[in-house]
Protein backbone atom coordinates (compact mmCIF):
# COMPACT_ATOMS: atom_id res chain seq x y z
CA MET A 1 -126.58 52.11 32.12
CA GLU A 2 -123.91 50.21 30.15
CA ASP A 3 -123.81 50.88 26.27
CA GLU A 4 -124.96 47.97 23.97
CA SER A 5 -121.66 48.03 22.06
CA VAL A 6 -119.37 48.14 25.16
CA LYS A 7 -121.58 45.06 26.45
CA SER A 8 -120.89 43.39 23.00
CA LEU A 9 -117.10 43.98 23.28
CA ASN A 10 -116.92 42.61 26.65
CA SER A 11 -118.97 39.47 25.70
CA ALA A 12 -116.43 38.91 22.55
CA ALA A 13 -113.56 39.37 24.63
CA ARG A 14 -114.38 36.92 27.22
CA ARG A 15 -115.57 34.67 24.59
CA GLY A 16 -111.88 34.90 22.76
CA ALA A 17 -110.22 34.67 25.99
CA ILE A 18 -112.01 31.25 26.74
CA MET A 19 -111.38 29.96 23.02
CA THR A 20 -107.61 31.00 23.61
CA VAL A 21 -107.28 29.23 26.81
CA ALA A 22 -109.14 26.09 25.64
CA ALA A 23 -107.05 26.09 22.16
CA LEU A 24 -103.73 26.28 24.42
CA SER A 25 -104.96 23.76 26.74
CA ALA A 26 -105.51 21.47 24.03
CA LEU A 27 -102.24 22.16 22.60
CA ALA A 28 -100.49 21.58 25.62
CA LEU A 29 -102.17 18.41 26.35
CA ALA A 30 -101.47 17.24 22.83
CA SER A 31 -97.95 18.06 23.20
CA CYS A 32 -97.65 16.66 26.74
CA SER A 33 -96.60 13.15 25.32
CA ALA A 34 -94.72 14.47 22.28
CA GLY A 35 -91.36 12.87 22.16
CA GLN A 36 -91.82 10.70 25.01
CA VAL A 37 -90.96 7.03 24.66
CA THR A 38 -93.74 4.61 25.09
CA GLN A 39 -93.64 2.00 27.91
CA THR A 40 -93.20 -1.10 25.64
CA SER A 41 -90.46 0.34 23.66
CA THR A 42 -88.13 0.29 26.86
CA GLN A 43 -89.20 -2.94 28.03
CA ALA A 44 -86.55 -5.72 28.34
CA ASP A 45 -86.24 -9.45 28.99
CA ALA A 46 -87.21 -10.64 32.26
CA VAL A 47 -83.55 -11.72 32.76
CA ASP A 48 -80.96 -9.27 31.61
CA GLY A 49 -77.67 -10.72 30.38
CA ALA A 50 -74.58 -9.24 31.86
CA SER A 51 -72.30 -6.96 29.62
CA ALA A 52 -68.68 -6.24 30.03
CA ASP A 53 -65.31 -5.53 28.19
CA VAL A 54 -62.05 -7.12 28.57
CA ASP A 55 -59.68 -4.58 30.06
CA SER A 56 -58.15 -3.66 26.77
CA GLY A 57 -61.49 -3.22 25.41
CA VAL A 58 -60.70 -5.31 22.47
CA ILE A 59 -63.33 -7.88 23.32
CA ALA A 60 -66.73 -6.82 24.32
CA LEU A 61 -69.23 -9.48 25.98
CA ARG A 62 -72.88 -9.05 25.98
CA ASP A 63 -75.92 -11.00 27.08
CA VAL A 64 -73.97 -13.34 29.29
CA THR A 65 -76.68 -15.68 30.57
CA VAL A 66 -76.61 -19.21 32.17
CA HIS A 67 -79.28 -20.71 30.39
CA VAL A 68 -81.28 -23.82 31.86
CA ASN A 69 -83.92 -25.81 29.36
CA ASP A 70 -86.87 -27.85 30.68
CA GLU A 71 -84.81 -30.88 30.79
CA GLY A 72 -82.53 -29.23 33.27
CA GLU A 73 -79.40 -29.16 30.94
CA ALA A 74 -77.41 -25.79 31.05
CA GLY A 75 -75.32 -23.89 28.80
CA LEU A 76 -73.72 -20.25 28.74
CA LYS A 77 -75.53 -17.87 26.45
CA PHE A 78 -73.47 -14.77 25.42
CA VAL A 79 -72.15 -12.70 22.40
CA ALA A 80 -68.38 -12.02 22.22
CA ILE A 81 -67.48 -9.20 19.78
CA ASN A 82 -63.91 -8.44 18.49
CA GLN A 83 -63.50 -4.71 18.61
CA ASP A 84 -59.71 -4.57 18.00
CA THR A 85 -58.73 -1.49 15.93
CA SER A 86 -55.64 -3.00 15.16
CA HIS A 87 -57.56 -6.00 13.24
CA THR A 88 -55.86 -8.61 15.14
CA ALA A 89 -57.73 -11.83 15.47
CA HIS A 90 -58.36 -13.18 18.91
CA THR A 91 -59.13 -16.49 20.28
CA LEU A 92 -61.67 -17.54 23.16
CA GLU A 93 -59.18 -20.00 25.30
CA SER A 94 -61.79 -21.10 28.09
CA VAL A 95 -64.90 -20.16 30.17
CA THR A 96 -65.89 -21.09 33.50
CA ILE A 97 -68.92 -20.80 35.52
CA ASP A 98 -68.43 -20.63 39.38
CA GLY A 99 -65.05 -22.71 38.60
CA ALA A 100 -67.11 -25.21 36.25
CA GLU A 101 -65.43 -25.91 32.82
CA VAL A 102 -67.94 -24.67 30.09
CA ASP A 103 -67.97 -27.07 27.04
CA ILE A 104 -67.49 -24.80 23.87
CA ASP A 105 -68.09 -26.52 20.61
CA GLY A 106 -65.74 -25.28 18.18
CA ALA A 107 -64.99 -21.51 18.72
CA ASP A 108 -62.85 -20.20 16.04
CA PRO A 109 -60.71 -17.09 16.17
CA LEU A 110 -62.45 -13.86 15.87
CA ASN A 111 -61.41 -11.33 13.35
CA ARG A 112 -62.14 -7.69 13.63
CA ASN A 113 -66.05 -6.98 13.99
CA CYS A 114 -66.56 -10.37 13.90
CA MET A 115 -68.73 -12.54 16.88
CA ILE A 116 -69.28 -15.75 18.64
CA VAL A 117 -73.26 -16.04 19.47
CA ALA A 118 -73.42 -19.11 22.13
CA ASP A 119 -76.07 -20.84 23.77
CA LEU A 120 -77.49 -24.20 24.25
CA GLN A 121 -77.78 -26.32 20.65
CA GLU A 122 -81.58 -26.09 20.93
CA GLU A 123 -81.72 -22.41 21.23
CA LEU A 124 -79.02 -22.00 18.20
CA ASP A 125 -81.21 -24.31 16.04
CA LYS A 126 -84.08 -21.60 16.25
CA LEU A 127 -81.84 -18.82 14.74
CA VAL A 128 -81.22 -18.28 11.01
CA GLU A 129 -77.85 -19.65 10.22
CA PRO A 130 -75.35 -16.54 9.25
CA ASP A 131 -74.63 -16.40 5.59
CA ALA A 132 -70.84 -16.08 4.61
CA GLY A 133 -70.12 -13.68 7.04
CA CYS A 134 -68.07 -13.56 10.19
CA THR A 135 -70.68 -14.36 12.97
CA GLN A 136 -70.11 -18.13 14.61
CA HIS A 137 -72.78 -19.96 16.35
CA VAL A 138 -71.33 -21.88 19.13
CA ALA A 139 -73.17 -24.52 21.22
CA THR A 140 -72.29 -24.47 24.99
CA SER A 141 -72.93 -26.76 27.84
CA VAL A 142 -72.08 -27.12 31.26
CA GLU A 143 -72.88 -29.57 33.99
CA ASN A 144 -75.98 -28.38 36.10
CA PRO A 145 -75.50 -29.04 39.87
CA GLY A 146 -78.89 -27.49 40.27
CA PHE A 147 -78.73 -23.90 39.41
CA ALA A 148 -81.58 -21.64 41.04
CA TYR A 149 -83.46 -19.76 38.73
CA GLY A 150 -82.85 -16.18 39.14
CA GLY A 151 -79.68 -16.61 40.74
CA ASN A 152 -76.32 -15.08 39.80
CA LEU A 153 -72.98 -16.87 39.40
CA PRO A 154 -69.52 -15.55 38.52
CA VAL A 155 -68.67 -16.35 34.96
CA GLU A 156 -64.92 -16.08 33.82
CA PHE A 157 -63.82 -15.66 30.09
CA ILE A 158 -60.56 -16.36 29.27
CA PHE A 159 -59.09 -14.63 25.69
CA ASP A 160 -55.88 -14.54 24.45
CA THR A 161 -55.98 -10.89 25.44
CA GLY A 162 -56.52 -11.31 29.07
CA SER A 163 -59.56 -12.21 31.43
CA ILE A 164 -62.61 -10.90 32.70
CA THR A 165 -65.21 -12.07 35.23
CA VAL A 166 -69.05 -11.09 35.23
CA ASP A 167 -71.96 -12.06 37.41
CA ALA A 168 -74.57 -13.75 35.16
CA ALA A 169 -78.06 -14.46 35.83
CA ILE A 170 -79.67 -17.85 35.92
CA SER A 171 -82.57 -17.88 33.48
CA ALA A 172 -85.39 -20.27 33.51
CA PRO A 173 -86.70 -21.94 30.42
CA LEU A 174 -89.14 -19.83 28.51
CA LEU A 175 -92.68 -20.80 28.04
CA GLU A 176 -94.05 -20.72 24.51
CA SER A 177 -96.52 -18.13 23.87
CA GLY A 178 -100.31 -19.22 24.37
CA THR A 179 -99.45 -22.86 25.71
CA PHE A 180 -99.81 -21.87 29.67
CA ASP A 181 -103.03 -21.18 31.24
CA ARG A 182 -103.09 -19.69 34.72
CA VAL A 183 -105.52 -21.35 36.91
CA GLN A 184 -107.32 -19.33 39.20
CA GLY A 185 -107.50 -20.17 42.84
CA GLU A 186 -110.28 -19.74 45.34
CA GLY A 187 -110.78 -16.10 45.93
CA SER A 188 -109.06 -15.04 42.74
CA ASN A 189 -110.82 -12.62 40.51
């Protein structure tokens, strides 16, 4: 026959072990997502623009995308940044998309840490005009021979420091949020 005090100790030990396991399980589950990045914080645009640097590294190109609007007008969206540590100004001389010349409306030479933000004029109109800084908003246009949304075309940039070619995606016009309702067809849920 077991002593009542031994029975109480065994029961207390079991309860303590169960509470410890429960506490450790709760702690493990709570810390499971600690330090993790949320799903939406890493989401990007449906079409990523191409990025590259001129061989010498003095000019960086970001978000290079052939942009087509609802009316079929096309332009080139990009950001060019002067990263030259010698503080030399650089000039964008020309840009072509698959051999077709891109019209660039008045890009001034870029000083160190300055940038050109280029796109269709209607898209630039949506941006806040930079204050007296060294960011230039420059309108671009190119003849649209029937660019296929989602395709890629070579875009060549020629700067006074050299040239670089990137494959740029062709983006479709963005729909304004809340203006398009999907119609459910037969058999849809």
